[in-house]
PDB file of N, CA and C in Angstrom:
ATOM      1  N   MET A   1       0.841  -1.175   0.000  1.00  0.00           N
ATOM      2  CA  MET A   1       0.000   0.000   0.000  1.00  0.00           C
ATOM      3  C   MET A   1       0.885   1.237   0.000  1.00  0.00           C
ATOM      4  N   ARG A   2       0.485   2.215  -0.755  1.00  0.00           N
ATOM      5  CA  ARG A   2       1.273   3.441  -0.887  1.00  0.00           C
ATOM      6  C   ARG A   2       1.100   4.335   0.334  1.00  0.00           C
ATOM      7  N   ASP A   3       2.167   5.046   0.676  1.00  0.00           N
ATOM      8  CA  ASP A   3       2.123   5.975   1.797  1.00  0.00           C
ATOM      9  C   ASP A   3       1.912   7.386   1.270  1.00  0.00           C
ATOM     10  N   TYR A   4       0.735   7.913   1.484  1.00  0.00           N
ATOM     11  CA  TYR A   4       0.402   9.266   1.057  1.00  0.00           C
ATOM     12  C   TYR A   4       0.494  10.210   2.250  1.00  0.00           C
ATOM     13  N   HIS A   5       0.919  11.441   1.971  1.00  0.00           N
ATOM     14  CA  HIS A   5       0.982  12.467   3.005  1.00  0.00           C
ATOM     15  C   HIS A   5      -0.437  12.770   3.485  1.00  0.00           C
ATOM     16  N   ILE A   6      -0.590  12.954   4.779  1.00  0.00           N
ATOM     17  CA  ILE A   6      -1.892  13.269   5.365  1.00  0.00           C
ATOM     18  C   ILE A   6      -1.770  14.569   6.142  1.00  0.00           C
ATOM     19  N   ASN A   7      -2.668  15.508   5.853  1.00  0.00           N
ATOM     20  CA  ASN A   7      -2.791  16.738   6.632  1.00  0.00           C
ATOM     21  C   ASN A   7      -3.950  16.552   7.600  1.00  0.00           C
ATOM     22  N   ILE A   8      -3.758  16.939   8.855  1.00  0.00           N
ATOM     23  CA  ILE A   8      -4.845  16.922   9.830  1.00  0.00           C
ATOM     24  C   ILE A   8      -4.869  18.288  10.497  1.00  0.00           C
ATOM     25  N   PHE A   9      -6.047  18.899  10.514  1.00  0.00           N
ATOM     26  CA  PHE A   9      -6.172  20.220  11.120  1.00  0.00           C
ATOM     27  C   PHE A   9      -7.543  20.362  11.765  1.00  0.00           C
ATOM     28  N   TYR A  10      -7.622  21.261  12.742  1.00  0.00           N
ATOM     29  CA  TYR A  10      -8.891  21.520  13.418  1.00  0.00           C
ATOM     30  C   TYR A  10      -9.671  22.550  12.631  1.00  0.00           C
ATOM     31  N   SER A  11     -10.953  22.299  12.445  1.00  0.00           N
ATOM     32  CA  SER A  11     -11.837  23.224  11.745  1.00  0.00           C
ATOM     33  C   SER A  11     -12.826  23.817  12.743  1.00  0.00           C
ATOM     34  N   ASP A  12     -12.718  25.125  12.967  1.00  0.00           N
ATOM     35  CA  ASP A  12     -13.672  25.795  13.847  1.00  0.00           C
ATOM     36  C   ASP A  12     -15.088  25.704  13.283  1.00  0.00           C
ATOM     37  N   ASP A  13     -15.212  25.845  11.959  1.00  0.00           N
ATOM     38  CA  ASP A  13     -16.533  25.795  11.323  1.00  0.00           C
ATOM     39  C   ASP A  13     -17.213  24.449  11.547  1.00  0.00           C
ATOM     40  N   ASP A  14     -16.440  23.373  11.453  1.00  0.00           N
ATOM     41  CA  ASP A  14     -16.998  22.028  11.597  1.00  0.00           C
ATOM     42  C   ASP A  14     -16.922  21.501  13.029  1.00  0.00           C
ATOM     43  N   GLU A  15     -16.195  22.219  13.874  1.00  0.00           N
ATOM     44  CA  GLU A  15     -15.994  21.833  15.269  1.00  0.00           C
ATOM     45  C   GLU A  15     -15.446  20.407  15.389  1.00  0.00           C
ATOM     46  N   GLY A  16     -14.433  20.145  14.577  1.00  0.00           N
ATOM     47  CA  GLY A  16     -13.788  18.841  14.596  1.00  0.00           C
ATOM     48  C   GLY A  16     -12.554  18.859  13.722  1.00  0.00           C
ATOM     49  N   TYR A  17     -11.994  17.708  13.516  1.00  0.00           N
ATOM     50  CA  TYR A  17     -10.744  17.586  12.769  1.00  0.00           C
ATOM     51  C   TYR A  17     -11.001  17.095  11.350  1.00  0.00           C
ATOM     52  N   ILE A  18     -10.291  17.702  10.419  1.00  0.00           N
ATOM     53  CA  ILE A  18     -10.344  17.327   9.014  1.00  0.00           C
ATOM     54  C   ILE A  18      -8.997  16.694   8.666  1.00  0.00           C
ATOM     55  N   ALA A  19      -9.043  15.585   7.976  1.00  0.00           N
ATOM     56  CA  ALA A  19      -7.832  14.944   7.454  1.00  0.00           C
ATOM     57  C   ALA A  19      -7.984  14.852   5.946  1.00  0.00           C
ATOM     58  N   ASP A  20      -6.917  15.188   5.228  1.00  0.00           N
ATOM     59  CA  ASP A  20      -6.971  15.050   3.772  1.00  0.00           C
ATOM     60  C   ASP A  20      -5.650  14.526   3.239  1.00  0.00           C
ATOM     61  N   MET A  21      -5.721  14.027   2.007  1.00  0.00           N
ATOM     62  CA  MET A  21      -4.546  13.518   1.301  1.00  0.00           C
ATOM     63  C   MET A  21      -4.410  14.327   0.019  1.00  0.00           C
ATOM     64  N   PRO A  22      -3.478  15.285  -0.018  1.00  0.00           N
ATOM     65  CA  PRO A  22      -3.357  16.170  -1.176  1.00  0.00           C
ATOM     66  C   PRO A  22      -3.137  15.450  -2.505  1.00  0.00           C
ATOM     67  N   ASP A  23      -2.510  14.291  -2.491  1.00  0.00           N
ATOM     68  CA  ASP A  23      -2.251  13.571  -3.744  1.00  0.00           C
ATOM     69  C   ASP A  23      -3.493  12.911  -4.329  1.00  0.00           C
ATOM     70  N   LEU A  24      -4.519  12.709  -3.510  1.00  0.00           N
ATOM     71  CA  LEU A  24      -5.747  12.062  -3.971  1.00  0.00           C
ATOM     72  C   LEU A  24      -6.872  13.093  -3.947  1.00  0.00           C
ATOM     73  N   GLU A  25      -7.252  13.560  -5.117  1.00  0.00           N
ATOM     74  CA  GLU A  25      -8.235  14.636  -5.238  1.00  0.00           C
ATOM     75  C   GLU A  25      -9.513  14.307  -4.471  1.00  0.00           C
ATOM     76  N   ALA A  26      -9.910  15.240  -3.619  1.00  0.00           N
ATOM     77  CA  ALA A  26     -11.150  15.158  -2.840  1.00  0.00           C
ATOM     78  C   ALA A  26     -11.170  13.999  -1.843  1.00  0.00           C
ATOM     79  N   CYS A  27     -10.020  13.505  -1.455  1.00  0.00           N
ATOM     80  CA  CYS A  27      -9.960  12.438  -0.454  1.00  0.00           C
ATOM     81  C   CYS A  27      -9.749  13.083   0.910  1.00  0.00           C
ATOM     82  N   SER A  28     -10.825  13.147   1.687  1.00  0.00           N
ATOM     83  CA  SER A  28     -10.746  13.765   3.003  1.00  0.00           C
ATOM     84  C   SER A  28     -11.756  13.101   3.929  1.00  0.00           C
ATOM     85  N   ALA A  29     -11.626  13.396   5.216  1.00  0.00           N
ATOM     86  CA  ALA A  29     -12.521  12.801   6.202  1.00  0.00           C
ATOM     87  C   ALA A  29     -12.586  13.701   7.429  1.00  0.00           C
ATOM     88  N   PHE A  30     -13.572  13.448   8.263  1.00  0.00           N
ATOM     89  CA  PHE A  30     -13.823  14.219   9.472  1.00  0.00           C
ATOM     90  C   PHE A  30     -13.747  13.303  10.681  1.00  0.00           C
ATOM     91  N   GLY A  31     -13.317  13.874  11.808  1.00  0.00           N
ATOM     92  CA  GLY A  31     -13.336  13.142  13.068  1.00  0.00           C
ATOM     93  C   GLY A  31     -13.427  14.098  14.241  1.00  0.00           C
ATOM     94  N   ASP A  32     -13.932  13.606  15.356  1.00  0.00           N
ATOM     95  CA  ASP A  32     -14.002  14.427  16.563  1.00  0.00           C
ATOM     96  C   ASP A  32     -12.630  14.599  17.208  1.00  0.00           C
ATOM     97  N   THR A  33     -11.704  13.692  16.891  1.00  0.00           N
ATOM     98  CA  THR A  33     -10.335  13.755  17.404  1.00  0.00           C
ATOM     99  C   THR A  33      -9.379  13.577  16.224  1.00  0.00           C
ATOM    100  N   PRO A  34      -8.114  13.966  16.380  1.00  0.00           N
ATOM    101  CA  PRO A  34      -7.150  13.725  15.301  1.00  0.00           C
ATOM    102  C   PRO A  34      -7.046  12.237  14.946  1.00  0.00           C
ATOM    103  N   ASP A  35      -7.069  11.360  15.953  1.00  0.00           N
ATOM    104  CA  ASP A  35      -6.980   9.919  15.683  1.00  0.00           C
ATOM    105  C   ASP A  35      -8.175   9.416  14.882  1.00  0.00           C
ATOM    106  N   GLU A  36      -9.353   9.905  15.220  1.00  0.00           N
ATOM    107  CA  GLU A  36     -10.550   9.494  14.484  1.00  0.00           C
ATOM    108  C   GLU A  36     -10.489   9.987  13.041  1.00  0.00           C
ATOM    109  N   ALA A  37     -10.051  11.234  12.842  1.00  0.00           N
ATOM    110  CA  ALA A  37      -9.919  11.771  11.483  1.00  0.00           C
ATOM    111  C   ALA A  37      -8.903  10.957  10.684  1.00  0.00           C
ATOM    112  N   LEU A  38      -7.800  10.578  11.312  1.00  0.00           N
ATOM    113  CA  LEU A  38      -6.784   9.758  10.650  1.00  0.00           C
ATOM    114  C   LEU A  38      -7.362   8.404  10.242  1.00  0.00           C
ATOM    115  N   HIS A  39      -8.052   7.761  11.158  1.00  0.00           N
ATOM    116  CA  HIS A  39      -8.658   6.456  10.863  1.00  0.00           C
ATOM    117  C   HIS A  39      -9.656   6.573   9.705  1.00  0.00           C
ATOM    118  N   GLU A  40     -10.467   7.611   9.722  1.00  0.00           N
ATOM    119  CA  GLU A  40     -11.478   7.797   8.681  1.00  0.00           C
ATOM    120  C   GLU A  40     -10.852   8.107   7.322  1.00  0.00           C
ATOM    121  N   VAL A  41      -9.781   8.898   7.299  1.00  0.00           N
ATOM    122  CA  VAL A  41      -9.167   9.223   6.006  1.00  0.00           C
ATOM    123  C   VAL A  41      -8.438   8.008   5.437  1.00  0.00           C
ATOM    124  N   GLN A  42      -7.957   7.134   6.293  1.00  0.00           N
ATOM    125  CA  GLN A  42      -7.345   5.897   5.787  1.00  0.00           C
ATOM    126  C   GLN A  42      -8.399   5.003   5.133  1.00  0.00           C
ATOM    127  N   LYS A  43      -9.597   4.964   5.709  1.00  0.00           N
ATOM    128  CA  LYS A  43     -10.696   4.232   5.072  1.00  0.00           C
ATOM    129  C   LYS A  43     -11.088   4.910   3.760  1.00  0.00           C
ATOM    130  N   ALA A  44     -11.121   6.247   3.768  1.00  0.00           N
ATOM    131  CA  ALA A  44     -11.466   6.989   2.549  1.00  0.00           C
ATOM    132  C   ALA A  44     -10.450   6.725   1.443  1.00  0.00           C
ATOM    133  N   LYS A  45      -9.168   6.618   1.812  1.00  0.00           N
ATOM    134  CA  LYS A  45      -8.126   6.317   0.821  1.00  0.00           C
ATOM    135  C   LYS A  45      -8.378   4.962   0.173  1.00  0.00           C
ATOM    136  N   ASP A  46      -8.680   3.969   0.983  1.00  0.00           N
ATOM    137  CA  ASP A  46      -8.949   2.634   0.442  1.00  0.00           C
ATOM    138  C   ASP A  46     -10.126   2.660  -0.531  1.00  0.00           C
ATOM    139  N   LEU A  47     -11.184   3.376  -0.160  1.00  0.00           N
ATOM    140  CA  LEU A  47     -12.353   3.487  -1.039  1.00  0.00           C
ATOM    141  C   LEU A  47     -12.024   4.275  -2.299  1.00  0.00           C
ATOM    142  N   TRP A  48     -11.206   5.332  -2.155  1.00  0.00           N
ATOM    143  CA  TRP A  48     -10.808   6.150  -3.306  1.00  0.00           C
ATOM    144  C   TRP A  48     -10.060   5.278  -4.315  1.00  0.00           C
ATOM    145  N   ILE A  49      -9.113   4.498  -3.825  1.00  0.00           N
ATOM    146  CA  ILE A  49      -8.304   3.650  -4.710  1.00  0.00           C
ATOM    147  C   ILE A  49      -9.165   2.565  -5.363  1.00  0.00           C
ATOM    148  N   LYS A  50     -10.061   1.947  -4.601  1.00  0.00           N
ATOM    149  CA  LYS A  50     -10.952   0.930  -5.176  1.00  0.00           C
ATOM    150  C   LYS A  50     -11.834   1.525  -6.267  1.00  0.00           C
ATOM    151  N   ALA A  51     -12.349   2.735  -6.036  1.00  0.00           N
ATOM    152  CA  ALA A  51     -13.195   3.393  -7.037  1.00  0.00           C
ATOM    153  C   ALA A  51     -12.395   3.715  -8.292  1.00  0.00           C
ATOM    154  N   ALA A  52     -11.171   4.203  -8.119  1.00  0.00           N
ATOM    155  CA  ALA A  52     -10.322   4.512  -9.275  1.00  0.00           C
ATOM    156  C   ALA A  52     -10.024   3.244 -10.071  1.00  0.00           C
ATOM    157  N   GLN A  53      -9.729   2.161  -9.385  1.00  0.00           N
ATOM    158  CA  GLN A  53      -9.458   0.891 -10.065  1.00  0.00           C
ATOM    159  C   GLN A  53     -10.694   0.392 -10.808  1.00  0.00           C
ATOM    160  N   ALA A  54     -11.860   0.508 -10.187  1.00  0.00           N
ATOM    161  CA  ALA A  54     -13.103   0.047 -10.810  1.00  0.00           C
ATOM    162  C   ALA A  54     -13.426   0.840 -12.071  1.00  0.00           C
ATOM    163  N   GLU A  55     -13.038   2.121 -12.083  1.00  0.00           N
ATOM    164  CA  GLU A  55     -13.297   2.983 -13.239  1.00  0.00           C
ATOM    165  C   GLU A  55     -12.100   3.044 -14.177  1.00  0.00           C
ATOM    166  N   ASP A  56     -11.097   2.221 -13.912  1.00  0.00           N
ATOM    167  CA  ASP A  56      -9.881   2.160 -14.730  1.00  0.00           C
ATOM    168  C   ASP A  56      -9.202   3.527 -14.853  1.00  0.00           C
ATOM    169  N   LYS A  57      -9.191   4.265 -13.736  1.00  0.00           N
ATOM    170  CA  LYS A  57      -8.545   5.577 -13.693  1.00  0.00           C
ATOM    171  C   LYS A  57      -7.172   5.429 -13.047  1.00  0.00           C
ATOM    172  N   PRO A  58      -6.232   6.294 -13.419  1.00  0.00           N
ATOM    173  CA  PRO A  58      -4.886   6.197 -12.840  1.00  0.00           C
ATOM    174  C   PRO A  58      -4.875   6.557 -11.351  1.00  0.00           C
ATOM    175  N   ILE A  59      -4.012   5.889 -10.633  1.00  0.00           N
ATOM    176  CA  ILE A  59      -3.815   6.185  -9.213  1.00  0.00           C
ATOM    177  C   ILE A  59      -2.479   6.907  -9.106  1.00  0.00           C
ATOM    178  N   PRO A  60      -2.510   8.173  -8.681  1.00  0.00           N
ATOM    179  CA  PRO A  60      -1.263   8.936  -8.655  1.00  0.00           C
ATOM    180  C   PRO A  60      -0.286   8.411  -7.604  1.00  0.00           C
ATOM    181  N   PRO A  61       0.994   8.491  -7.910  1.00  0.00           N
ATOM    182  CA  PRO A  61       1.987   8.102  -6.902  1.00  0.00           C
ATOM    183  C   PRO A  61       2.055   9.173  -5.812  1.00  0.00           C
ATOM    184  N   PRO A  62       2.481   8.817  -4.619  1.00  0.00           N
ATOM    185  CA  PRO A  62       2.655   9.825  -3.569  1.00  0.00           C
ATOM    186  C   PRO A  62       3.739  10.818  -3.979  1.00  0.00           C
ATOM    187  N   LYS A  63       3.398  12.097  -3.988  1.00  0.00           N
ATOM    188  CA  LYS A  63       4.378  13.132  -4.344  1.00  0.00           C
ATOM    189  C   LYS A  63       4.397  14.286  -3.359  1.00  0.00           C
ATOM    190  N   TYR A  64       3.243  14.584  -2.759  1.00  0.00           N
ATOM    191  CA  TYR A  64       3.112  15.778  -1.934  1.00  0.00           C
ATOM    192  C   TYR A  64       4.052  15.727  -0.739  1.00  0.00           C
ATOM    193  N   ARG A  65       4.711  16.825  -0.509  1.00  0.00           N
ATOM    194  CA  ARG A  65       5.513  17.015   0.697  1.00  0.00           C
ATOM    195  C   ARG A  65       5.249  18.428   1.187  1.00  0.00           C
ATOM    196  N   ALA A  66       5.028  18.536   2.454  1.00  0.00           N
ATOM    197  CA  ALA A  66       4.751  19.855   3.022  1.00  0.00           C
ATOM    198  C   ALA A  66       5.886  20.819   2.719  1.00  0.00           C
ATOM    199  N   ALA A  67       5.564  22.098   2.555  1.00  0.00           N
ATOM    200  CA  ALA A  67       6.547  23.117   2.178  1.00  0.00           C
ATOM    201  C   ALA A  67       7.706  23.181   3.170  1.00  0.00           C
ATOM    202  N   ILE A  68       7.452  22.950   4.444  1.00  0.00           N
ATOM    203  CA  ILE A  68       8.527  23.022   5.433  1.00  0.00           C
ATOM    204  C   ILE A  68       9.600  21.970   5.142  1.00  0.00           C
ATOM    205  N   TYR A  69       9.191  20.788   4.664  1.00  0.00           N
ATOM    206  CA  TYR A  69      10.163  19.754   4.334  1.00  0.00           C
ATOM    207  C   TYR A  69      10.879  20.068   3.033  1.00  0.00           C
ATOM    208  N   GLN A  70      10.179  20.681   2.094  1.00  0.00           N
ATOM    209  CA  GLN A  70      10.799  21.070   0.835  1.00  0.00           C
ATOM    210  C   GLN A  70      11.884  22.105   1.095  1.00  0.00           C
ATOM    211  N   ALA A  71      11.605  23.070   1.954  1.00  0.00           N
ATOM    212  CA  ALA A  71      12.571  24.122   2.251  1.00  0.00           C
ATOM    213  C   ALA A  71      13.782  23.549   2.993  1.00  0.00           C
ATOM    214  N   ALA A  72      13.541  22.607   3.886  1.00  0.00           N
ATOM    215  CA  ALA A  72      14.631  22.031   4.672  1.00  0.00           C
ATOM    216  C   ALA A  72      15.583  21.208   3.812  1.00  0.00           C
ATOM    217  N   SER A  73      15.070  20.605   2.752  1.00  0.00           N
ATOM    218  CA  SER A  73      15.927  19.760   1.925  1.00  0.00           C
ATOM    219  C   SER A  73      16.540  20.516   0.750  1.00  0.00           C
ATOM    220  N   ALA A  74      16.177  21.762   0.577  1.00  0.00           N
ATOM    221  CA  ALA A  74      16.697  22.551  -0.556  1.00  0.00           C
ATOM    222  C   ALA A  74      18.109  23.023  -0.301  1.00  0.00           C
TER     223      ALA A  74
END
Protein backbone atom coordinates (compact mmCIF):
# COMPACT_ATOMS: atom_id res chain seq x y z
CA MET A 1 0.00 0.00 0.00
CA ARG A 2 1.27 3.44 -0.89
CA ASP A 3 2.12 5.98 1.80
CA TYR A 4 0.40 9.27 1.06
CA HIS A 5 0.98 12.47 3.01
CA ILE A 6 -1.89 13.27 5.37
CA ASN A 7 -2.79 16.74 6.63
CA ILE A 8 -4.84 16.92 9.83
CA PHE A 9 -6.17 20.22 11.12
CA TYR A 10 -8.89 21.52 13.42
CA SER A 11 -11.84 23.22 11.74
CA ASP A 12 -13.67 25.80 13.85
CA ASP A 13 -16.53 25.80 11.32
CA ASP A 14 -17.00 22.03 11.60
CA GLU A 15 -15.99 21.83 15.27
CA GLY A 16 -13.79 18.84 14.60
CA TYR A 17 -10.74 17.59 12.77
CA ILE A 18 -10.34 17.33 9.01
CA ALA A 19 -7.83 14.94 7.45
CA ASP A 20 -6.97 15.05 3.77
CA MET A 21 -4.55 13.52 1.30
CA PRO A 22 -3.36 16.17 -1.18
CA ASP A 23 -2.25 13.57 -3.74
CA LEU A 24 -5.75 12.06 -3.97
CA GLU A 25 -8.23 14.64 -5.24
CA ALA A 26 -11.15 15.16 -2.84
CA CYS A 27 -9.96 12.44 -0.45
CA SER A 28 -10.75 13.76 3.00
CA ALA A 29 -12.52 12.80 6.20
CA PHE A 30 -13.82 14.22 9.47
CA GLY A 31 -13.34 13.14 13.07
CA ASP A 32 -14.00 14.43 16.56
CA THR A 33 -10.34 13.76 17.40
CA PRO A 34 -7.15 13.72 15.30
CA ASP A 35 -6.98 9.92 15.68
CA GLU A 36 -10.55 9.49 14.48
CA ALA A 37 -9.92 11.77 11.48
CA LEU A 38 -6.78 9.76 10.65
CA HIS A 39 -8.66 6.46 10.86
CA GLU A 40 -11.48 7.80 8.68
CA VAL A 41 -9.17 9.22 6.01
CA GLN A 42 -7.35 5.90 5.79
CA LYS A 43 -10.70 4.23 5.07
CA ALA A 44 -11.47 6.99 2.55
CA LYS A 45 -8.13 6.32 0.82
CA ASP A 46 -8.95 2.63 0.44
CA LEU A 47 -12.35 3.49 -1.04
CA TRP A 48 -10.81 6.15 -3.31
CA ILE A 49 -8.30 3.65 -4.71
CA LYS A 50 -10.95 0.93 -5.18
CA ALA A 51 -13.20 3.39 -7.04
CA ALA A 52 -10.32 4.51 -9.28
CA GLN A 53 -9.46 0.89 -10.06
CA ALA A 54 -13.10 0.05 -10.81
CA GLU A 55 -13.30 2.98 -13.24
CA ASP A 56 -9.88 2.16 -14.73
CA LYS A 57 -8.54 5.58 -13.69
CA PRO A 58 -4.89 6.20 -12.84
CA ILE A 59 -3.82 6.19 -9.21
CA PRO A 60 -1.26 8.94 -8.66
CA PRO A 61 1.99 8.10 -6.90
CA PRO A 62 2.65 9.82 -3.57
CA LYS A 63 4.38 13.13 -4.34
CA TYR A 64 3.11 15.78 -1.93
CA ARG A 65 5.51 17.02 0.70
CA ALA A 66 4.75 19.86 3.02
CA ALA A 67 6.55 23.12 2.18
CA ILE A 68 8.53 23.02 5.43
CA TYR A 69 10.16 19.75 4.33
CA GLN A 70 10.80 21.07 0.84
CA ALA A 71 12.57 24.12 2.25
CA ALA A 72 14.63 22.03 4.67
CA SER A 73 15.93 19.76 1.92
CA ALA A 74 16.70 22.55 -0.56
